[in-house]
């Protein structure tokens, strides 16, 4: 699968934390909504790891428990201005990117521009 080539126009340096890795069907405790990226909710997995998950990837019951609808990782990619990455999937104003060295993670769309 070939991604869309993207240039980084704004550096992104994510907070250092263990990513929440989820599989379709996993259940998570769903917490508060992000104030900047409002289509994300703070979720905690069975192992106690937490991270932001797009609402589009959750079915939330009346008790605040979410069932994950797709495989998902909260890993974010650290990128510098003018880096070129390949974008594969977008969710809630973020794109899953892979750098030429094979490292991968989410980058906010505002930090990316399609190469022409």
PDB file of N, CA and C in Angstrom:
ATOM      1  N   UNK A   1       0.847  -1.173   0.000  1.00  0.00           N
ATOM      2  CA  UNK A   1       0.000   0.000   0.000  1.00  0.00           C
ATOM      3  C   UNK A   1       0.895   1.240   0.000  1.00  0.00           C
ATOM      4  N   UNK A   2       0.622   2.150  -0.905  1.00  0.00           N
ATOM      5  CA  UNK A   2       1.386   3.382  -1.007  1.00  0.00           C
ATOM      6  C   UNK A   2       0.590   4.525  -0.390  1.00  0.00           C
ATOM      7  N   UNK A   3       1.254   5.282   0.453  1.00  0.00           N
ATOM      8  CA  UNK A   3       0.590   6.414   1.083  1.00  0.00           C
ATOM      9  C   UNK A   3       0.744   7.679   0.264  1.00  0.00           C
ATOM     10  N   UNK A   4       0.064   8.715   0.699  1.00  0.00           N
ATOM     11  CA  UNK A   4       0.179  10.035   0.094  1.00  0.00           C
ATOM     12  C   UNK A   4       1.417  10.705   0.676  1.00  0.00           C
ATOM     13  N   UNK A   5       2.263  11.253  -0.178  1.00  0.00           N
ATOM     14  CA  UNK A   5       3.476  11.919   0.301  1.00  0.00           C
ATOM     15  C   UNK A   5       3.113  13.296   0.851  1.00  0.00           C
ATOM     16  N   UNK A   6       3.577  13.552   2.077  1.00  0.00           N
ATOM     17  CA  UNK A   6       3.244  14.775   2.789  1.00  0.00           C
ATOM     18  C   UNK A   6       4.512  15.450   3.296  1.00  0.00           C
ATOM     19  N   UNK A   7       4.531  16.770   3.260  1.00  0.00           N
ATOM     20  CA  UNK A   7       5.636  17.542   3.822  1.00  0.00           C
ATOM     21  C   UNK A   7       5.178  18.095   5.166  1.00  0.00           C
ATOM     22  N   UNK A   8       6.064  18.039   6.141  1.00  0.00           N
ATOM     23  CA  UNK A   8       5.776  18.594   7.463  1.00  0.00           C
ATOM     24  C   UNK A   8       6.006  20.101   7.405  1.00  0.00           C
ATOM     25  N   UNK A   9       4.961  20.876   7.731  1.00  0.00           N
ATOM     26  CA  UNK A   9       5.056  22.336   7.700  1.00  0.00           C
ATOM     27  C   UNK A   9       5.060  22.942   9.101  1.00  0.00           C
ATOM     28  N   UNK A  10       4.870  22.100  10.100  1.00  0.00           N
ATOM     29  CA  UNK A  10       4.915  22.528  11.501  1.00  0.00           C
ATOM     30  C   UNK A  10       5.470  21.359  12.310  1.00  0.00           C
ATOM     31  N   UNK A  11       6.553  21.575  13.022  1.00  0.00           N
ATOM     32  CA  UNK A  11       7.146  20.488  13.813  1.00  0.00           C
ATOM     33  C   UNK A  11       6.123  19.967  14.825  1.00  0.00           C
ATOM     34  N   UNK A  12       6.182  18.662  15.076  1.00  0.00           N
ATOM     35  CA  UNK A  12       5.303  18.045  16.073  1.00  0.00           C
ATOM     36  C   UNK A  12       6.158  17.163  16.982  1.00  0.00           C
ATOM     37  N   UNK A  13       6.118  17.471  18.276  1.00  0.00           N
ATOM     38  CA  UNK A  13       6.886  16.724  19.272  1.00  0.00           C
ATOM     39  C   UNK A  13       5.919  16.234  20.347  1.00  0.00           C
ATOM     40  N   UNK A  14       5.454  14.991  20.228  1.00  0.00           N
ATOM     41  CA  UNK A  14       4.462  14.476  21.170  1.00  0.00           C
ATOM     42  C   UNK A  14       5.033  14.277  22.568  1.00  0.00           C
ATOM     43  N   UNK A  15       4.142  14.285  23.535  1.00  0.00           N
ATOM     44  CA  UNK A  15       4.530  13.974  24.913  1.00  0.00           C
ATOM     45  C   UNK A  15       5.019  12.528  24.963  1.00  0.00           C
ATOM     46  N   UNK A  16       6.021  12.289  25.774  1.00  0.00           N
ATOM     47  CA  UNK A  16       6.566  10.935  25.905  1.00  0.00           C
ATOM     48  C   UNK A  16       5.661  10.127  26.828  1.00  0.00           C
ATOM     49  N   UNK A  17       4.940   9.187  26.253  1.00  0.00           N
ATOM     50  CA  UNK A  17       4.118   8.279  27.050  1.00  0.00           C
ATOM     51  C   UNK A  17       3.881   7.010  26.252  1.00  0.00           C
ATOM     52  N   UNK A  18       3.635   5.935  26.975  1.00  0.00           N
ATOM     53  CA  UNK A  18       3.369   4.645  26.348  1.00  0.00           C
ATOM     54  C   UNK A  18       2.074   4.734  25.546  1.00  0.00           C
ATOM     55  N   UNK A  19       2.100   4.319  24.264  1.00  0.00           N
ATOM     56  CA  UNK A  19       0.868   4.392  23.485  1.00  0.00           C
ATOM     57  C   UNK A  19      -0.154   3.352  23.939  1.00  0.00           C
ATOM     58  N   UNK A  20      -1.411   3.719  23.835  1.00  0.00           N
ATOM     59  CA  UNK A  20      -2.518   2.802  24.074  1.00  0.00           C
ATOM     60  C   UNK A  20      -2.736   2.043  22.769  1.00  0.00           C
ATOM     61  N   UNK A  21      -2.590   0.738  22.802  1.00  0.00           N
ATOM     62  CA  UNK A  21      -2.760  -0.095  21.603  1.00  0.00           C
ATOM     63  C   UNK A  21      -4.017  -0.930  21.800  1.00  0.00           C
ATOM     64  N   UNK A  22      -4.959  -0.764  20.869  1.00  0.00           N
ATOM     65  CA  UNK A  22      -6.261  -1.422  20.987  1.00  0.00           C
ATOM     66  C   UNK A  22      -6.542  -2.279  19.765  1.00  0.00           C
ATOM     67  N   UNK A  23      -7.326  -3.323  19.975  1.00  0.00           N
ATOM     68  CA  UNK A  23      -7.775  -4.192  18.892  1.00  0.00           C
ATOM     69  C   UNK A  23      -9.296  -4.072  18.778  1.00  0.00           C
ATOM     70  N   UNK A  24      -9.789  -4.273  17.590  1.00  0.00           N
ATOM     71  CA  UNK A  24     -11.229  -4.257  17.384  1.00  0.00           C
ATOM     72  C   UNK A  24     -11.907  -5.174  18.409  1.00  0.00           C
ATOM     73  N   UNK A  25     -12.934  -4.659  19.077  1.00  0.00           N
ATOM     74  CA  UNK A  25     -13.652  -5.436  20.083  1.00  0.00           C
ATOM     75  C   UNK A  25     -13.189  -5.187  21.506  1.00  0.00           C
ATOM     76  N   UNK A  26     -11.989  -4.579  21.683  1.00  0.00           N
ATOM     77  CA  UNK A  26     -11.524  -4.252  23.038  1.00  0.00           C
ATOM     78  C   UNK A  26     -12.501  -3.279  23.680  1.00  0.00           C
ATOM     79  N   UNK A  27     -12.571  -3.347  25.010  1.00  0.00           N
ATOM     80  CA  UNK A  27     -13.418  -2.423  25.757  1.00  0.00           C
ATOM     81  C   UNK A  27     -12.519  -1.491  26.561  1.00  0.00           C
ATOM     82  N   UNK A  28     -12.905  -0.213  26.608  1.00  0.00           N
ATOM     83  CA  UNK A  28     -12.132   0.818  27.292  1.00  0.00           C
ATOM     84  C   UNK A  28     -13.058   1.666  28.156  1.00  0.00           C
ATOM     85  N   UNK A  29     -12.478   2.233  29.209  1.00  0.00           N
ATOM     86  CA  UNK A  29     -13.193   3.224  30.000  1.00  0.00           C
ATOM     87  C   UNK A  29     -13.062   4.556  29.272  1.00  0.00           C
ATOM     88  N   UNK A  30     -14.185   5.195  28.990  1.00  0.00           N
ATOM     89  CA  UNK A  30     -14.191   6.437  28.210  1.00  0.00           C
ATOM     90  C   UNK A  30     -14.305   7.621  29.163  1.00  0.00           C
ATOM     91  N   UNK A  31     -13.380   8.557  29.016  1.00  0.00           N
ATOM     92  CA  UNK A  31     -13.349   9.734  29.876  1.00  0.00           C
ATOM     93  C   UNK A  31     -13.727  10.996  29.135  1.00  0.00           C
ATOM     94  N   UNK A  32     -13.038  12.067  29.471  1.00  0.00           N
ATOM     95  CA  UNK A  32     -13.385  13.403  28.983  1.00  0.00           C
ATOM     96  C   UNK A  32     -13.021  13.626  27.518  1.00  0.00           C
ATOM     97  N   UNK A  33     -13.667  14.628  26.952  1.00  0.00           N
ATOM     98  CA  UNK A  33     -13.435  15.044  25.562  1.00  0.00           C
ATOM     99  C   UNK A  33     -12.237  15.991  25.532  1.00  0.00           C
ATOM    100  N   UNK A  34     -11.429  15.892  24.477  1.00  0.00           N
ATOM    101  CA  UNK A  34     -10.311  16.812  24.295  1.00  0.00           C
ATOM    102  C   UNK A  34     -10.855  18.208  23.986  1.00  0.00           C
ATOM    103  N   UNK A  35     -10.226  19.239  24.538  1.00  0.00           N
ATOM    104  CA  UNK A  35     -10.716  20.604  24.315  1.00  0.00           C
ATOM    105  C   UNK A  35     -10.291  21.165  22.963  1.00  0.00           C
ATOM    106  N   UNK A  36      -9.178  20.687  22.418  1.00  0.00           N
ATOM    107  CA  UNK A  36      -8.718  21.176  21.109  1.00  0.00           C
ATOM    108  C   UNK A  36      -9.242  20.301  19.973  1.00  0.00           C
ATOM    109  N   UNK A  37      -9.083  18.991  20.112  1.00  0.00           N
ATOM    110  CA  UNK A  37      -9.549  18.040  19.109  1.00  0.00           C
ATOM    111  C   UNK A  37     -10.788  17.357  19.691  1.00  0.00           C
ATOM    112  N   UNK A  38     -11.941  17.991  19.500  1.00  0.00           N
ATOM    113  CA  UNK A  38     -13.160  17.576  20.200  1.00  0.00           C
ATOM    114  C   UNK A  38     -13.732  16.245  19.725  1.00  0.00           C
ATOM    115  N   UNK A  39     -13.211  15.686  18.662  1.00  0.00           N
ATOM    116  CA  UNK A  39     -13.685  14.379  18.204  1.00  0.00           C
ATOM    117  C   UNK A  39     -12.918  13.235  18.873  1.00  0.00           C
ATOM    118  N   UNK A  40     -12.138  13.558  19.908  1.00  0.00           N
ATOM    119  CA  UNK A  40     -11.370  12.553  20.651  1.00  0.00           C
ATOM    120  C   UNK A  40     -11.830  12.481  22.096  1.00  0.00           C
ATOM    121  N   UNK A  41     -11.767  11.265  22.668  1.00  0.00           N
ATOM    122  CA  UNK A  41     -12.062  11.052  24.092  1.00  0.00           C
ATOM    123  C   UNK A  41     -10.865  10.366  24.737  1.00  0.00           C
ATOM    124  N   UNK A  42     -10.604  10.705  25.995  1.00  0.00           N
ATOM    125  CA  UNK A  42      -9.525  10.091  26.774  1.00  0.00           C
ATOM    126  C   UNK A  42     -10.013   8.719  27.214  1.00  0.00           C
ATOM    127  N   UNK A  43      -9.305   7.671  26.816  1.00  0.00           N
ATOM    128  CA  UNK A  43      -9.732   6.301  27.110  1.00  0.00           C
ATOM    129  C   UNK A  43      -8.637   5.551  27.852  1.00  0.00           C
ATOM    130  N   UNK A  44      -9.059   4.616  28.698  1.00  0.00           N
ATOM    131  CA  UNK A  44      -8.136   3.797  29.473  1.00  0.00           C
ATOM    132  C   UNK A  44      -8.424   2.330  29.183  1.00  0.00           C
ATOM    133  N   UNK A  45      -7.360   1.612  28.810  1.00  0.00           N
ATOM    134  CA  UNK A  45      -7.485   0.192  28.509  1.00  0.00           C
ATOM    135  C   UNK A  45      -7.390  -0.675  29.754  1.00  0.00           C
ATOM    136  N   UNK A  46      -7.563  -1.968  29.570  1.00  0.00           N
ATOM    137  CA  UNK A  46      -7.521  -2.932  30.678  1.00  0.00           C
ATOM    138  C   UNK A  46      -6.194  -2.919  31.429  1.00  0.00           C
ATOM    139  N   UNK A  47      -5.099  -2.576  30.731  1.00  0.00           N
ATOM    140  CA  UNK A  47      -3.775  -2.574  31.381  1.00  0.00           C
ATOM    141  C   UNK A  47      -3.465  -1.254  32.084  1.00  0.00           C
ATOM    142  N   UNK A  48      -4.423  -0.316  32.083  1.00  0.00           N
ATOM    143  CA  UNK A  48      -4.223   0.977  32.736  1.00  0.00           C
ATOM    144  C   UNK A  48      -3.612   2.041  31.854  1.00  0.00           C
ATOM    145  N   UNK A  49      -3.218   1.692  30.637  1.00  0.00           N
ATOM    146  CA  UNK A  49      -2.659   2.660  29.702  1.00  0.00           C
ATOM    147  C   UNK A  49      -3.783   3.528  29.146  1.00  0.00           C
ATOM    148  N   UNK A  50      -3.531   4.818  29.037  1.00  0.00           N
ATOM    149  CA  UNK A  50      -4.551   5.752  28.547  1.00  0.00           C
ATOM    150  C   UNK A  50      -4.060   6.518  27.330  1.00  0.00           C
ATOM    151  N   UNK A  51      -5.011   7.036  26.560  1.00  0.00           N
ATOM    152  CA  UNK A  51      -4.681   7.856  25.407  1.00  0.00           C
ATOM    153  C   UNK A  51      -5.947   8.342  24.730  1.00  0.00           C
ATOM    154  N   UNK A  52      -5.753   9.228  23.742  1.00  0.00           N
ATOM    155  CA  UNK A  52      -6.872   9.813  23.002  1.00  0.00           C
ATOM    156  C   UNK A  52      -7.325   8.890  21.890  1.00  0.00           C
ATOM    157  N   UNK A  53      -8.634   8.649  21.824  1.00  0.00           N
ATOM    158  CA  UNK A  53      -9.220   7.764  20.806  1.00  0.00           C
ATOM    159  C   UNK A  53     -10.330   8.532  20.086  1.00  0.00           C
ATOM    160  N   UNK A  54     -10.354   8.477  18.741  1.00  0.00           N
ATOM    161  CA  UNK A  54     -11.413   9.170  18.007  1.00  0.00           C
ATOM    162  C   UNK A  54     -12.788   8.581  18.334  1.00  0.00           C
ATOM    163  N   UNK A  55     -13.765   9.457  18.489  1.00  0.00           N
ATOM    164  CA  UNK A  55     -15.134   8.992  18.747  1.00  0.00           C
ATOM    165  C   UNK A  55     -15.628   8.068  17.638  1.00  0.00           C
ATOM    166  N   UNK A  56     -15.163   8.290  16.397  1.00  0.00           N
ATOM    167  CA  UNK A  56     -15.575   7.435  15.277  1.00  0.00           C
ATOM    168  C   UNK A  56     -15.159   5.983  15.463  1.00  0.00           C
ATOM    169  N   UNK A  57     -14.207   5.728  16.350  1.00  0.00           N
ATOM    170  CA  UNK A  57     -13.702   4.373  16.568  1.00  0.00           C
ATOM    171  C   UNK A  57     -14.292   3.724  17.815  1.00  0.00           C
ATOM    172  N   UNK A  58     -15.307   4.350  18.406  1.00  0.00           N
ATOM    173  CA  UNK A  58     -15.889   3.854  19.657  1.00  0.00           C
ATOM    174  C   UNK A  58     -17.405   3.736  19.561  1.00  0.00           C
ATOM    175  N   UNK A  59     -17.932   2.703  20.212  1.00  0.00           N
ATOM    176  CA  UNK A  59     -19.359   2.611  20.499  1.00  0.00           C
ATOM    177  C   UNK A  59     -19.437   2.669  22.019  1.00  0.00           C
ATOM    178  N   UNK A  60     -20.061   3.728  22.555  1.00  0.00           N
ATOM    179  CA  UNK A  60     -20.055   3.970  23.999  1.00  0.00           C
ATOM    180  C   UNK A  60     -21.413   3.601  24.582  1.00  0.00           C
ATOM    181  N   UNK A  61     -21.382   2.805  25.646  1.00  0.00           N
ATOM    182  CA  UNK A  61     -22.639   2.415  26.287  1.00  0.00           C
ATOM    183  C   UNK A  61     -23.054   3.444  27.339  1.00  0.00           C
ATOM    184  N   UNK A  62     -24.176   3.200  28.009  1.00  0.00           N
ATOM    185  CA  UNK A  62     -24.721   4.138  28.996  1.00  0.00           C
ATOM    186  C   UNK A  62     -23.863   4.256  30.248  1.00  0.00           C
ATOM    187  N   UNK A  63     -22.881   3.371  30.409  1.00  0.00           N
ATOM    188  CA  UNK A  63     -22.045   3.363  31.610  1.00  0.00           C
ATOM    189  C   UNK A  63     -20.653   3.939  31.366  1.00  0.00           C
ATOM    190  N   UNK A  64     -20.419   4.508  30.166  1.00  0.00           N
ATOM    191  CA  UNK A  64     -19.135   5.105  29.851  1.00  0.00           C
ATOM    192  C   UNK A  64     -18.070   4.095  29.450  1.00  0.00           C
ATOM    193  N   UNK A  65     -18.515   2.919  29.027  1.00  0.00           N
ATOM    194  CA  UNK A  65     -17.586   1.903  28.519  1.00  0.00           C
ATOM    195  C   UNK A  65     -17.699   1.902  27.004  1.00  0.00           C
ATOM    196  N   UNK A  66     -16.546   1.976  26.340  1.00  0.00           N
ATOM    197  CA  UNK A  66     -16.521   1.991  24.886  1.00  0.00           C
ATOM    198  C   UNK A  66     -16.015   0.691  24.320  1.00  0.00           C
ATOM    199  N   UNK A  67     -16.600   0.272  23.219  1.00  0.00           N
ATOM    200  CA  UNK A  67     -16.105  -0.872  22.460  1.00  0.00           C
ATOM    201  C   UNK A  67     -15.415  -0.314  21.234  1.00  0.00           C
ATOM    202  N   UNK A  68     -14.177  -0.726  21.021  1.00  0.00           N
ATOM    203  CA  UNK A  68     -13.362  -0.231  19.915  1.00  0.00           C
ATOM    204  C   UNK A  68     -13.791  -0.935  18.623  1.00  0.00           C
ATOM    205  N   UNK A  69     -14.013  -0.144  17.566  1.00  0.00           N
ATOM    206  CA  UNK A  69     -14.537  -0.701  16.316  1.00  0.00           C
ATOM    207  C   UNK A  69     -13.466  -1.036  15.278  1.00  0.00           C
ATOM    208  N   UNK A  70     -12.219  -0.603  15.501  1.00  0.00           N
ATOM    209  CA  UNK A  70     -11.104  -0.896  14.586  1.00  0.00           C
ATOM    210  C   UNK A  70      -9.820  -1.043  15.414  1.00  0.00           C
ATOM    211  N   UNK A  71      -8.834  -1.716  14.858  1.00  0.00           N
ATOM    212  CA  UNK A  71      -7.520  -1.729  15.496  1.00  0.00           C
ATOM    213  C   UNK A  71      -7.002  -0.296  15.527  1.00  0.00           C
ATOM    214  N   UNK A  72      -6.383   0.102  16.650  1.00  0.00           N
ATOM    215  CA  UNK A  72      -5.979   1.500  16.800  1.00  0.00           C
ATOM    216  C   UNK A  72      -4.830   1.618  17.798  1.00  0.00           C
ATOM    217  N   UNK A  73      -3.906   2.516  17.517  1.00  0.00           N
ATOM    218  CA  UNK A  73      -2.811   2.846  18.428  1.00  0.00           C
ATOM    219  C   UNK A  73      -2.764   4.360  18.588  1.00  0.00           C
ATOM    220  N   UNK A  74      -2.488   4.814  19.797  1.00  0.00           N
ATOM    221  CA  UNK A  74      -2.374   6.256  20.039  1.00  0.00           C
ATOM    222  C   UNK A  74      -0.966   6.784  19.784  1.00  0.00           C
ATOM    223  N   UNK A  75      -0.079   5.966  19.231  1.00  0.00           N
ATOM    224  CA  UNK A  75       1.299   6.403  18.961  1.00  0.00           C
ATOM    225  C   UNK A  75       1.297   7.656  18.097  1.00  0.00           C
ATOM    226  N   UNK A  76       2.133   8.615  18.459  1.00  0.00           N
ATOM    227  CA  UNK A  76       2.296   9.834  17.672  1.00  0.00           C
ATOM    228  C   UNK A  76       3.719   9.869  17.127  1.00  0.00           C
ATOM    229  N   UNK A  77       3.880  10.453  15.956  1.00  0.00           N
ATOM    230  CA  UNK A  77       5.173  10.517  15.286  1.00  0.00           C
ATOM    231  C   UNK A  77       5.822  11.871  15.526  1.00  0.00           C
ATOM    232  N   UNK A  78       7.048  11.858  16.006  1.00  0.00           N
ATOM    233  CA  UNK A  78       7.835  13.077  16.212  1.00  0.00           C
ATOM    234  C   UNK A  78       8.414  13.487  14.859  1.00  0.00           C
ATOM    235  N   UNK A  79       8.070  14.702  14.390  1.00  0.00           N
ATOM    236  CA  UNK A  79       8.527  15.154  13.074  1.00  0.00           C
ATOM    237  C   UNK A  79       9.034  16.594  13.134  1.00  0.00           C
ATOM    238  N   UNK A  80       9.963  16.894  12.254  1.00  0.00           N
ATOM    239  CA  UNK A  80      10.531  18.237  12.121  1.00  0.00           C
ATOM    240  C   UNK A  80      10.024  18.890  10.833  1.00  0.00           C
ATOM    241  N   UNK A  81      10.067  20.205  10.794  1.00  0.00           N
ATOM    242  CA  UNK A  81       9.682  20.948   9.597  1.00  0.00           C
ATOM    243  C   UNK A  81      10.507  20.471   8.407  1.00  0.00           C
ATOM    244  N   UNK A  82       9.855  20.347   7.262  1.00  0.00           N
ATOM    245  CA  UNK A  82      10.421  19.927   5.976  1.00  0.00           C
ATOM    246  C   UNK A  82      10.666  18.434   5.852  1.00  0.00           C
ATOM    247  N   UNK A  83      10.379  17.657   6.901  1.00  0.00           N
ATOM    248  CA  UNK A  83      10.453  16.199   6.756  1.00  0.00           C
ATOM    249  C   UNK A  83       9.368  15.774   5.772  1.00  0.00           C
ATOM    250  N   UNK A  84       9.587  14.664   5.088  1.00  0.00           N
ATOM    251  CA  UNK A  84       8.595  14.109   4.181  1.00  0.00           C
ATOM    252  C   UNK A  84       8.188  12.747   4.720  1.00  0.00           C
ATOM    253  N   UNK A  85       6.872  12.535   4.829  1.00  0.00           N
ATOM    254  CA  UNK A  85       6.323  11.294   5.361  1.00  0.00           C
ATOM    255  C   UNK A  85       5.247  10.795   4.413  1.00  0.00           C
ATOM    256  N   UNK A  86       4.835   9.554   4.602  1.00  0.00           N
ATOM    257  CA  UNK A  86       3.720   9.000   3.845  1.00  0.00           C
ATOM    258  C   UNK A  86       2.510   8.916   4.760  1.00  0.00           C
ATOM    259  N   UNK A  87       1.378   9.444   4.297  1.00  0.00           N
ATOM    260  CA  UNK A  87       0.144   9.418   5.077  1.00  0.00           C
ATOM    261  C   UNK A  87      -0.773   8.314   4.584  1.00  0.00           C
ATOM    262  N   UNK A  88      -1.348   7.547   5.514  1.00  0.00           N
ATOM    263  CA  UNK A  88      -2.141   6.381   5.135  1.00  0.00           C
ATOM    264  C   UNK A  88      -3.603   6.447   5.562  1.00  0.00           C
ATOM    265  N   UNK A  89      -3.902   7.109   6.651  1.00  0.00           N
ATOM    266  CA  UNK A  89      -5.269   7.104   7.162  1.00  0.00           C
ATOM    267  C   UNK A  89      -5.484   8.372   7.978  1.00  0.00           C
ATOM    268  N   UNK A  90      -6.647   8.982   7.839  1.00  0.00           N
ATOM    269  CA  UNK A  90      -6.970  10.158   8.643  1.00  0.00           C
ATOM    270  C   UNK A  90      -8.110   9.839   9.597  1.00  0.00           C
ATOM    271  N   UNK A  91      -8.043  10.466  10.778  1.00  0.00           N
ATOM    272  CA  UNK A  91      -9.099  10.314  11.783  1.00  0.00           C
ATOM    273  C   UNK A  91      -9.092  11.549  12.666  1.00  0.00           C
ATOM    274  N   UNK A  92     -10.221  12.235  12.731  1.00  0.00           N
ATOM    275  CA  UNK A  92     -10.360  13.355  13.646  1.00  0.00           C
ATOM    276  C   UNK A  92      -9.274  14.408  13.564  1.00  0.00           C
ATOM    277  N   UNK A  93      -8.933  14.867  12.388  1.00  0.00           N
ATOM    278  CA  UNK A  93      -7.935  15.928  12.161  1.00  0.00           C
ATOM    279  C   UNK A  93      -6.490  15.472  12.348  1.00  0.00           C
ATOM    280  N   UNK A  94      -6.257  14.186  12.334  1.00  0.00           N
ATOM    281  CA  UNK A  94      -4.912  13.618  12.418  1.00  0.00           C
ATOM    282  C   UNK A  94      -4.734  12.614  11.284  1.00  0.00           C
ATOM    283  N   UNK A  95      -3.474  12.376  10.889  1.00  0.00           N
ATOM    284  CA  UNK A  95      -3.168  11.400   9.849  1.00  0.00           C
ATOM    285  C   UNK A  95      -2.104  10.433  10.357  1.00  0.00           C
ATOM    286  N   UNK A  96      -2.318   9.134  10.103  1.00  0.00           N
ATOM    287  CA  UNK A  96      -1.324   8.111  10.428  1.00  0.00           C
ATOM    288  C   UNK A  96      -0.221   8.207   9.390  1.00  0.00           C
ATOM    289  N   UNK A  97       0.993   8.491   9.841  1.00  0.00           N
ATOM    290  CA  UNK A  97       2.124   8.720   8.939  1.00  0.00           C
ATOM    291  C   UNK A  97       3.245   7.733   9.218  1.00  0.00           C
ATOM    292  N   UNK A  98       3.985   7.438   8.155  1.00  0.00           N
ATOM    293  CA  UNK A  98       5.170   6.600   8.257  1.00  0.00           C
ATOM    294  C   UNK A  98       6.340   7.382   7.662  1.00  0.00           C
ATOM    295  N   UNK A  99       7.408   7.509   8.453  1.00  0.00           N
ATOM    296  CA  UNK A  99       8.617   8.192   7.994  1.00  0.00           C
ATOM    297  C   UNK A  99       9.451   7.235   7.145  1.00  0.00           C
ATOM    298  N   UNK A 100      10.396   7.783   6.411  1.00  0.00           N
ATOM    299  CA  UNK A 100      11.250   6.956   5.558  1.00  0.00           C
ATOM    300  C   UNK A 100      12.053   5.931   6.349  1.00  0.00           C
ATOM    301  N   UNK A 101      12.313   6.198   7.643  1.00  0.00           N
ATOM    302  CA  UNK A 101      13.059   5.238   8.462  1.00  0.00           C
ATOM    303  C   UNK A 101      12.166   4.142   9.045  1.00  0.00           C
ATOM    304  N   UNK A 102      10.855   4.185   8.714  1.00  0.00           N
ATOM    305  CA  UNK A 102       9.923   3.155   9.177  1.00  0.00           C
ATOM    306  C   UNK A 102       9.173   3.495  10.455  1.00  0.00           C
ATOM    307  N   UNK A 103       9.577   4.557  11.149  1.00  0.00           N
ATOM    308  CA  UNK A 103       8.842   4.956  12.352  1.00  0.00           C
ATOM    309  C   UNK A 103       7.462   5.461  11.936  1.00  0.00           C
ATOM    310  N   UNK A 104       6.464   5.243  12.809  1.00  0.00           N
ATOM    311  CA  UNK A 104       5.094   5.560  12.438  1.00  0.00           C
ATOM    312  C   UNK A 104       4.322   6.114  13.620  1.00  0.00           C
ATOM    313  N   UNK A 105       3.292   6.902  13.306  1.00  0.00           N
ATOM    314  CA  UNK A 105       2.407   7.430  14.329  1.00  0.00           C
ATOM    315  C   UNK A 105       1.531   8.524  13.755  1.00  0.00           C
ATOM    316  N   UNK A 106       0.655   9.047  14.599  1.00  0.00           N
ATOM    317  CA  UNK A 106      -0.279  10.097  14.205  1.00  0.00           C
ATOM    318  C   UNK A 106       0.400  11.462  14.236  1.00  0.00           C
ATOM    319  N   UNK A 107       0.050  12.299  13.256  1.00  0.00           N
ATOM    320  CA  UNK A 107       0.524  13.681  13.178  1.00  0.00           C
ATOM    321  C   UNK A 107      -0.714  14.547  12.910  1.00  0.00           C
ATOM    322  N   UNK A 108      -0.846  15.695  13.602  1.00  0.00           N
ATOM    323  CA  UNK A 108      -2.003  16.549  13.346  1.00  0.00           C
ATOM    324  C   UNK A 108      -1.985  17.070  11.898  1.00  0.00           C
ATOM    325  N   UNK A 109      -3.152  17.098  11.283  1.00  0.00           N
ATOM    326  CA  UNK A 109      -3.244  17.540   9.891  1.00  0.00           C
ATOM    327  C   UNK A 109      -2.720  18.960   9.691  1.00  0.00           C
ATOM    328  N   UNK A 110      -2.850  19.811  10.709  1.00  0.00           N
ATOM    329  CA  UNK A 110      -2.384  21.192  10.564  1.00  0.00           C
ATOM    330  C   UNK A 110      -0.869  21.266  10.349  1.00  0.00           C
ATOM    331  N   UNK A 111      -0.154  20.184  10.684  1.00  0.00           N
ATOM    332  CA  UNK A 111       1.296  20.153  10.539  1.00  0.00           C
ATOM    333  C   UNK A 111       1.743  19.571   9.190  1.00  0.00           C
ATOM    334  N   UNK A 112       0.777  19.225   8.330  1.00  0.00           N
ATOM    335  CA  UNK A 112       1.088  18.517   7.084  1.00  0.00           C
ATOM    336  C   UNK A 112       0.549  19.246   5.865  1.00  0.00           C
ATOM    337  N   UNK A 113       1.272  19.078   4.746  1.00  0.00           N
ATOM    338  CA  UNK A 113       0.820  19.610   3.462  1.00  0.00           C
ATOM    339  C   UNK A 113       1.124  18.569   2.391  1.00  0.00           C
ATOM    340  N   UNK A 114       0.182  18.370   1.478  1.00  0.00           N
ATOM    341  CA  UNK A 114       0.393  17.400   0.398  1.00  0.00           C
ATOM    342  C   UNK A 114       1.502  17.890  -0.514  1.00  0.00           C
ATOM    343  N   UNK A 115       2.446  16.985  -0.807  1.00  0.00           N
ATOM    344  CA  UNK A 115       3.513  17.323  -1.766  1.00  0.00           C
ATOM    345  C   UNK A 115       2.929  17.431  -3.153  1.00  0.00           C
ATOM    346  N   UNK A 116       3.362  18.411  -3.887  1.00  0.00           N
ATOM    347  CA  UNK A 116       2.864  18.594  -5.263  1.00  0.00           C
ATOM    348  C   UNK A 116       3.903  18.200  -6.263  1.00  0.00           C
TER     349      UNK A 116
END
